[in-house]
Amino acid sequence: MADRSVIVLGAGGHAKVVIDLLQKLGRSVLAALEPTSPAEARLLLGVPVASEQAALSKHSSESVDLALGVGMPTQDPIAGLAARRVLAAQYVARGYRFPPLVHPGAVVGADCALGQGAQIMAGAVVQPGSAIASFAIVNTGACVDHDCVLGEGCHVAPGATIGGTVRVGRESLIGIGATVLQGVAIGDRVLIAGGAMVIDSVADDERRLGVPARGAR
């Protein structure tokens, strides 16, 4: 059976990247959704931006797939990751399906598991034996080495590098260009600042920055 058409939740920068990925996979993207009706008609990479009510009233969970195109606010990224998961859960409860998405320019090794709605972006590398949970993002040019486990809704930002057998918890952020050494465990809702180097494990809800990474208030 041919792939179903897709509606993207969100109409900002991350949605633009997701639409580009879908188009490169040859998927038909019907709309990008904003919470309310757009002030004026506009397109995002040729895709009409619409309100949820206008778009989903025409398409049931049996006829379209969804893709999570909601980004992460810079002011409070951990809260943003939690909000993404809540939004996705609302649509899953309504019967909608979020297929995992892998950019054709990414590399995913053998024996990897991708949860629903997981996104592997352009230039990313996920090495064999890794598990990427539902709605996690491995963003542009990020590297995840062998046998890693990324928790639900976490985000490995562009250019970050994660060594082998690392565990990253739910709704945690590994910032742009950060490095996590092999074997380290990162808890839930952790923020690793851009450019940091994490050399030891990090408990839930902590903030780390610097080289080597230390606690931050």
C-alpha atoms as a PDB file:
ATOM      1  CA  MET A   1       0.000   0.000   0.000  1.00  0.00           C
ATOM      2  CA  ALA A   2       1.287   3.455  -0.864  1.00  0.00           C
ATOM      3  CA  ASP A   3       2.360   5.781   1.949  1.00  0.00           C
ATOM      4  CA  ARG A   4      -0.454   7.940   3.225  1.00  0.00           C
ATOM      5  CA  SER A   5      -0.434  11.712   2.943  1.00  0.00           C
ATOM      6  CA  VAL A   6       0.887  13.644   5.943  1.00  0.00           C
ATOM      7  CA  ILE A   7      -0.240  16.672   7.935  1.00  0.00           C
ATOM      8  CA  VAL A   8       2.474  18.454   9.924  1.00  0.00           C
ATOM      9  CA  LEU A   9       1.687  19.825  13.384  1.00  0.00           C
ATOM     10  CA  GLY A  10       3.358  23.226  13.561  1.00  0.00           C
ATOM     11  CA  ALA A  11       4.244  25.876  11.016  1.00  0.00           C
ATOM     12  CA  GLY A  12       7.549  27.343  12.193  1.00  0.00           C
ATOM     13  CA  GLY A  13      11.214  26.548  11.669  1.00  0.00           C
ATOM     14  CA  HIS A  14      11.161  22.912  12.786  1.00  0.00           C
ATOM     15  CA  ALA A  15       8.033  22.291  10.726  1.00  0.00           C
ATOM     16  CA  LYS A  16       9.902  23.616   7.685  1.00  0.00           C
ATOM     17  CA  VAL A  17      12.680  21.071   8.255  1.00  0.00           C
ATOM     18  CA  VAL A  18      10.156  18.260   8.724  1.00  0.00           C
ATOM     19  CA  ILE A  19       8.297  19.222   5.543  1.00  0.00           C
ATOM     20  CA  ASP A  20      11.562  19.215   3.594  1.00  0.00           C
ATOM     21  CA  LEU A  21      12.371  15.736   4.970  1.00  0.00           C
ATOM     22  CA  LEU A  22       8.933  14.428   4.007  1.00  0.00           C
ATOM     23  CA  GLN A  23       9.172  15.887   0.522  1.00  0.00           C
ATOM     24  CA  LYS A  24      12.572  14.272   0.023  1.00  0.00           C
ATOM     25  CA  LEU A  25      10.979  10.956   1.012  1.00  0.00           C
ATOM     26  CA  GLY A  26       8.334  11.506  -1.647  1.00  0.00           C
ATOM     27  CA  ARG A  27       5.512  11.914   0.871  1.00  0.00           C
ATOM     28  CA  SER A  28       2.579  14.169   0.028  1.00  0.00           C
ATOM     29  CA  VAL A  29       2.236  16.918   2.688  1.00  0.00           C
ATOM     30  CA  LEU A  30      -1.288  18.300   2.817  1.00  0.00           C
ATOM     31  CA  ALA A  31      -0.940  21.099   5.366  1.00  0.00           C
ATOM     32  CA  ALA A  32       1.079  22.608   8.192  1.00  0.00           C
ATOM     33  CA  LEU A  33      -1.093  23.404  11.191  1.00  0.00           C
ATOM     34  CA  GLU A  34      -1.177  26.407  13.489  1.00  0.00           C
ATOM     35  CA  PRO A  35      -3.376  26.430  16.621  1.00  0.00           C
ATOM     36  CA  THR A  36      -5.580  29.189  15.205  1.00  0.00           C
ATOM     37  CA  SER A  37      -6.390  30.365  11.709  1.00  0.00           C
ATOM     38  CA  PRO A  38      -3.415  32.168  10.091  1.00  0.00           C
ATOM     39  CA  ALA A  39      -3.805  35.926   9.844  1.00  0.00           C
ATOM     40  CA  GLU A  40      -3.190  35.666   6.117  1.00  0.00           C
ATOM     41  CA  ALA A  41      -2.775  32.871   3.595  1.00  0.00           C
ATOM     42  CA  ARG A  42       0.788  31.593   3.365  1.00  0.00           C
ATOM     43  CA  LEU A  43       2.780  28.606   2.224  1.00  0.00           C
ATOM     44  CA  LEU A  44       5.637  26.757   3.897  1.00  0.00           C
ATOM     45  CA  LEU A  45       7.804  25.109   1.209  1.00  0.00           C
ATOM     46  CA  GLY A  46       4.717  25.093  -0.975  1.00  0.00           C
ATOM     47  CA  VAL A  47       2.513  23.570   1.741  1.00  0.00           C
ATOM     48  CA  PRO A  48      -0.536  25.575   2.837  1.00  0.00           C
ATOM     49  CA  VAL A  49      -0.590  26.722   6.455  1.00  0.00           C
ATOM     50  CA  ALA A  50      -3.993  26.118   8.044  1.00  0.00           C
ATOM     51  CA  SER A  51      -5.722  25.893  11.399  1.00  0.00           C
ATOM     52  CA  GLU A  52      -6.218  22.504  13.024  1.00  0.00           C
ATOM     53  CA  GLN A  53      -9.977  22.740  12.687  1.00  0.00           C
ATOM     54  CA  ALA A  54      -9.835  23.560   8.976  1.00  0.00           C
ATOM     55  CA  ALA A  55      -7.414  20.766   8.098  1.00  0.00           C
ATOM     56  CA  LEU A  56      -8.300  17.855  10.364  1.00  0.00           C
ATOM     57  CA  SER A  57     -12.031  18.258   9.877  1.00  0.00           C
ATOM     58  CA  LYS A  58     -11.420  16.957   6.353  1.00  0.00           C
ATOM     59  CA  HIS A  59      -9.086  14.071   7.257  1.00  0.00           C
ATOM     60  CA  SER A  60      -9.641  11.270   9.746  1.00  0.00           C
ATOM     61  CA  SER A  61      -6.999   9.247  11.533  1.00  0.00           C
ATOM     62  CA  GLU A  62      -7.708   6.505   9.017  1.00  0.00           C
ATOM     63  CA  SER A  63      -6.757   8.636   6.032  1.00  0.00           C
ATOM     64  CA  VAL A  64      -3.621  10.611   6.988  1.00  0.00           C
ATOM     65  CA  ASP A  65      -0.457  10.337   9.040  1.00  0.00           C
ATOM     66  CA  LEU A  66       0.819  13.124  11.267  1.00  0.00           C
ATOM     67  CA  ALA A  67       4.336  14.490  11.770  1.00  0.00           C
ATOM     68  CA  LEU A  68       5.382  16.555  14.783  1.00  0.00           C
ATOM     69  CA  GLY A  69       6.783  19.837  13.505  1.00  0.00           C
ATOM     70  CA  VAL A  70       6.608  21.791  16.755  1.00  0.00           C
ATOM     71  CA  GLY A  71       9.967  23.238  17.732  1.00  0.00           C
ATOM     72  CA  MET A  72      11.540  23.969  21.086  1.00  0.00           C
ATOM     73  CA  PRO A  73      11.518  27.464  22.672  1.00  0.00           C
ATOM     74  CA  THR A  74      14.941  28.852  23.542  1.00  0.00           C
ATOM     75  CA  GLN A  75      13.637  30.393  26.779  1.00  0.00           C
ATOM     76  CA  ASP A  76      12.643  27.064  28.366  1.00  0.00           C
ATOM     77  CA  PRO A  77      13.601  24.176  26.112  1.00  0.00           C
ATOM     78  CA  ILE A  78      12.876  21.423  28.628  1.00  0.00           C
ATOM     79  CA  ALA A  79       9.312  22.661  29.103  1.00  0.00           C
ATOM     80  CA  GLY A  80       9.070  22.819  25.313  1.00  0.00           C
ATOM     81  CA  LEU A  81      10.089  19.173  24.971  1.00  0.00           C
ATOM     82  CA  ALA A  82       7.435  18.223  27.528  1.00  0.00           C
ATOM     83  CA  ALA A  83       4.823  20.223  25.618  1.00  0.00           C
ATOM     84  CA  ARG A  84       5.728  18.403  22.377  1.00  0.00           C
ATOM     85  CA  ARG A  85       5.110  15.040  24.036  1.00  0.00           C
ATOM     86  CA  VAL A  86       1.797  16.181  25.510  1.00  0.00           C
ATOM     87  CA  LEU A  87       0.643  17.432  22.122  1.00  0.00           C
ATOM     88  CA  ALA A  88       1.628  14.187  20.422  1.00  0.00           C
ATOM     89  CA  ALA A  89      -0.139  12.125  23.086  1.00  0.00           C
ATOM     90  CA  GLN A  90      -3.379  14.012  22.465  1.00  0.00           C
ATOM     91  CA  TYR A  91      -3.357  13.027  18.804  1.00  0.00           C
ATOM     92  CA  VAL A  92      -2.277   9.434  19.500  1.00  0.00           C
ATOM     93  CA  ALA A  93      -5.274   9.148  21.826  1.00  0.00           C
ATOM     94  CA  ARG A  94      -7.462  10.227  18.906  1.00  0.00           C
ATOM     95  CA  GLY A  95      -6.087   7.384  16.796  1.00  0.00           C
ATOM     96  CA  TYR A  96      -3.591   9.296  14.643  1.00  0.00           C
ATOM     97  CA  ARG A  97      -0.327   7.644  13.642  1.00  0.00           C
ATOM     98  CA  PHE A  98       3.103   9.309  13.663  1.00  0.00           C
ATOM     99  CA  PRO A  99       5.531   7.263  11.542  1.00  0.00           C
ATOM    100  CA  PRO A 100       9.238   7.500  12.358  1.00  0.00           C
ATOM    101  CA  LEU A 101      11.038   9.727   9.855  1.00  0.00           C
ATOM    102  CA  VAL A 102      14.585   9.224   8.572  1.00  0.00           C
ATOM    103  CA  HIS A 103      16.081  11.784   6.192  1.00  0.00           C
ATOM    104  CA  PRO A 104      17.567  10.133   3.077  1.00  0.00           C
ATOM    105  CA  GLY A 105      20.835  11.888   3.924  1.00  0.00           C
ATOM    106  CA  ALA A 106      21.023  10.271   7.385  1.00  0.00           C
ATOM    107  CA  VAL A 107      22.684   6.954   8.268  1.00  0.00           C
ATOM    108  CA  VAL A 108      20.929   4.466  10.538  1.00  0.00           C
ATOM    109  CA  GLY A 109      22.863   1.311  11.354  1.00  0.00           C
ATOM    110  CA  ALA A 110      21.712  -2.270  11.666  1.00  0.00           C
ATOM    111  CA  ASP A 111      19.574  -3.460  14.567  1.00  0.00           C
ATOM    112  CA  CYS A 112      18.324   0.015  15.489  1.00  0.00           C
ATOM    113  CA  ALA A 113      14.835   0.603  16.859  1.00  0.00           C
ATOM    114  CA  LEU A 114      12.894   3.788  16.097  1.00  0.00           C
ATOM    115  CA  GLY A 115       9.770   4.633  18.063  1.00  0.00           C
ATOM    116  CA  GLN A 116       6.716   6.336  16.595  1.00  0.00           C
ATOM    117  CA  GLY A 117       7.342   9.913  15.614  1.00  0.00           C
ATOM    118  CA  ALA A 118      11.122   9.658  16.052  1.00  0.00           C
ATOM    119  CA  GLN A 119      12.975  11.982  13.676  1.00  0.00           C
ATOM    120  CA  ILE A 120      16.476  11.437  12.265  1.00  0.00           C
ATOM    121  CA  MET A 121      17.517  14.557  10.383  1.00  0.00           C
ATOM    122  CA  ALA A 122      19.899  15.272   7.496  1.00  0.00           C
ATOM    123  CA  GLY A 123      23.499  14.208   8.063  1.00  0.00           C
ATOM    124  CA  ALA A 124      22.758  12.463  11.362  1.00  0.00           C
ATOM    125  CA  VAL A 125      24.384   9.113  12.137  1.00  0.00           C
ATOM    126  CA  VAL A 126      22.814   6.495  14.404  1.00  0.00           C
ATOM    127  CA  GLN A 127      25.090   3.516  14.837  1.00  0.00           C
ATOM    128  CA  PRO A 128      24.049  -0.158  15.209  1.00  0.00           C
ATOM    129  CA  GLY A 129      22.104  -1.367  18.211  1.00  0.00           C
ATOM    130  CA  SER A 130      20.741   2.002  19.242  1.00  0.00           C
ATOM    131  CA  ALA A 131      17.139   2.629  20.309  1.00  0.00           C
ATOM    132  CA  ILE A 132      15.501   5.978  19.619  1.00  0.00           C
ATOM    133  CA  ALA A 133      12.241   6.289  21.557  1.00  0.00           C
ATOM    134  CA  SER A 134       8.984   7.893  20.453  1.00  0.00           C
ATOM    135  CA  PHE A 135       9.137  11.553  19.414  1.00  0.00           C
ATOM    136  CA  ALA A 136      12.877  11.855  20.058  1.00  0.00           C
ATOM    137  CA  ILE A 137      14.893  13.981  17.617  1.00  0.00           C
ATOM    138  CA  VAL A 138      18.419  13.285  16.364  1.00  0.00           C
ATOM    139  CA  ASN A 139      18.959  16.593  14.666  1.00  0.00           C
ATOM    140  CA  THR A 140      21.123  17.792  11.787  1.00  0.00           C
ATOM    141  CA  GLY A 141      24.614  16.298  11.768  1.00  0.00           C
ATOM    142  CA  ALA A 142      24.327  14.741  15.232  1.00  0.00           C
ATOM    143  CA  CYS A 143      26.135  11.442  15.912  1.00  0.00           C
ATOM    144  CA  VAL A 144      24.784   8.695  18.157  1.00  0.00           C
ATOM    145  CA  ASP A 145      27.241   5.824  18.564  1.00  0.00           C
ATOM    146  CA  HIS A 146      26.504   2.130  19.042  1.00  0.00           C
ATOM    147  CA  ASP A 147      24.021   0.732  21.559  1.00  0.00           C
ATOM    148  CA  CYS A 148      22.713   4.058  22.831  1.00  0.00           C
ATOM    149  CA  VAL A 149      19.220   4.500  24.229  1.00  0.00           C
ATOM    150  CA  LEU A 150      17.465   7.843  23.732  1.00  0.00           C
ATOM    151  CA  GLY A 151      14.366   8.392  25.858  1.00  0.00           C
ATOM    152  CA  GLU A 152      10.952   9.541  24.744  1.00  0.00           C
ATOM    153  CA  GLY A 153      10.789  13.121  23.538  1.00  0.00           C
ATOM    154  CA  CYS A 154      14.484  13.899  24.019  1.00  0.00           C
ATOM    155  CA  HIS A 155      16.446  16.054  21.567  1.00  0.00           C
ATOM    156  CA  VAL A 156      20.026  15.584  20.391  1.00  0.00           C
ATOM    157  CA  ALA A 157      20.684  18.991  18.861  1.00  0.00           C
ATOM    158  CA  PRO A 158      22.627  19.711  15.650  1.00  0.00           C
ATOM    159  CA  GLY A 159      26.268  18.683  15.727  1.00  0.00           C
ATOM    160  CA  ALA A 160      26.107  16.925  19.109  1.00  0.00           C
ATOM    161  CA  THR A 161      28.095  13.704  19.595  1.00  0.00           C
ATOM    162  CA  ILE A 162      27.085  10.861  21.902  1.00  0.00           C
ATOM    163  CA  GLY A 163      29.516   8.019  22.606  1.00  0.00           C
ATOM    164  CA  GLY A 164      28.620   4.351  22.702  1.00  0.00           C
ATOM    165  CA  THR A 165      26.205   2.868  25.264  1.00  0.00           C
ATOM    166  CA  VAL A 166      25.003   6.269  26.485  1.00  0.00           C
ATOM    167  CA  ARG A 167      21.537   6.472  28.022  1.00  0.00           C
ATOM    168  CA  VAL A 168      19.552   9.712  27.655  1.00  0.00           C
ATOM    169  CA  GLY A 169      16.317  10.123  29.611  1.00  0.00           C
ATOM    170  CA  ARG A 170      12.930  11.505  28.655  1.00  0.00           C
ATOM    171  CA  GLU A 171      12.587  15.109  27.524  1.00  0.00           C
ATOM    172  CA  SER A 172      16.306  15.825  27.899  1.00  0.00           C
ATOM    173  CA  LEU A 173      18.279  18.135  25.631  1.00  0.00           C
ATOM    174  CA  ILE A 174      21.832  17.522  24.442  1.00  0.00           C
ATOM    175  CA  GLY A 175      22.700  20.987  23.173  1.00  0.00           C
ATOM    176  CA  ILE A 176      24.281  22.076  19.901  1.00  0.00           C
ATOM    177  CA  GLY A 177      27.820  20.745  19.544  1.00  0.00           C
ATOM    178  CA  ALA A 178      27.811  19.057  22.972  1.00  0.00           C
ATOM    179  CA  THR A 179      29.711  15.820  23.585  1.00  0.00           C
ATOM    180  CA  VAL A 180      28.693  12.970  25.894  1.00  0.00           C
ATOM    181  CA  LEU A 181      31.414  10.410  26.597  1.00  0.00           C
ATOM    182  CA  GLN A 182      30.726   6.706  26.194  1.00  0.00           C
ATOM    183  CA  GLY A 183      28.862   4.883  28.941  1.00  0.00           C
ATOM    184  CA  VAL A 184      27.413   8.007  30.574  1.00  0.00           C
ATOM    185  CA  ALA A 185      23.806   8.043  31.815  1.00  0.00           C
ATOM    186  CA  ILE A 186      21.767  11.224  31.402  1.00  0.00           C
ATOM    187  CA  GLY A 187      18.564  11.459  33.440  1.00  0.00           C
ATOM    188  CA  ASP A 188      15.118  12.791  32.611  1.00  0.00           C
ATOM    189  CA  ARG A 189      14.529  16.491  31.832  1.00  0.00           C
ATOM    190  CA  VAL A 190      18.261  17.248  31.796  1.00  0.00           C
ATOM    191  CA  LEU A 191      19.667  20.222  29.899  1.00  0.00           C
ATOM    192  CA  ILE A 192      23.212  19.874  28.541  1.00  0.00           C
ATOM    193  CA  ALA A 193      24.322  23.261  27.253  1.00  0.00           C
ATOM    194  CA  GLY A 194      25.687  23.777  23.769  1.00  0.00           C
ATOM    195  CA  GLY A 195      29.375  22.935  23.485  1.00  0.00           C
ATOM    196  CA  ALA A 196      29.533  21.139  26.848  1.00  0.00           C
ATOM    197  CA  MET A 197      31.505  17.939  27.387  1.00  0.00           C
ATOM    198  CA  VAL A 198      29.815  15.485  29.737  1.00  0.00           C
ATOM    199  CA  ILE A 199      32.249  13.044  31.332  1.00  0.00           C
ATOM    200  CA  ASP A 200      30.098  11.587  34.111  1.00  0.00           C
ATOM    201  CA  SER A 201      26.473  10.694  34.687  1.00  0.00           C
ATOM    202  CA  VAL A 202      23.810  13.347  35.271  1.00  0.00           C
ATOM    203  CA  ALA A 203      20.775  13.000  37.556  1.00  0.00           C
ATOM    204  CA  ASP A 204      17.208  13.951  36.655  1.00  0.00           C
ATOM    205  CA  ASP A 205      16.410  17.665  36.256  1.00  0.00           C
ATOM    206  CA  GLU A 206      20.025  18.839  36.339  1.00  0.00           C
ATOM    207  CA  ARG A 207      21.665  21.506  34.164  1.00  0.00           C
ATOM    208  CA  ARG A 208      25.238  21.097  32.947  1.00  0.00           C
ATOM    209  CA  LEU A 209      27.549  23.427  31.023  1.00  0.00           C
ATOM    210  CA  GLY A 210      31.245  23.860  30.259  1.00  0.00           C
ATOM    211  CA  VAL A 211      34.247  21.626  29.539  1.00  0.00           C
ATOM    212  CA  PRO A 212      34.137  19.414  31.455  1.00  0.00           C
ATOM    213  CA  ALA A 213      30.443  19.977  32.173  1.00  0.00           C
ATOM    214  CA  ARG A 214      29.545  21.155  35.672  1.00  0.00           C
ATOM    215  CA  GLY A 215      26.258  21.930  37.396  1.00  0.00           C
ATOM    216  CA  ALA A 216      24.493  25.178  36.535  1.00  0.00           C
ATOM    217  CA  ARG A 217      21.830  27.062  38.456  1.00  0.00           C
END
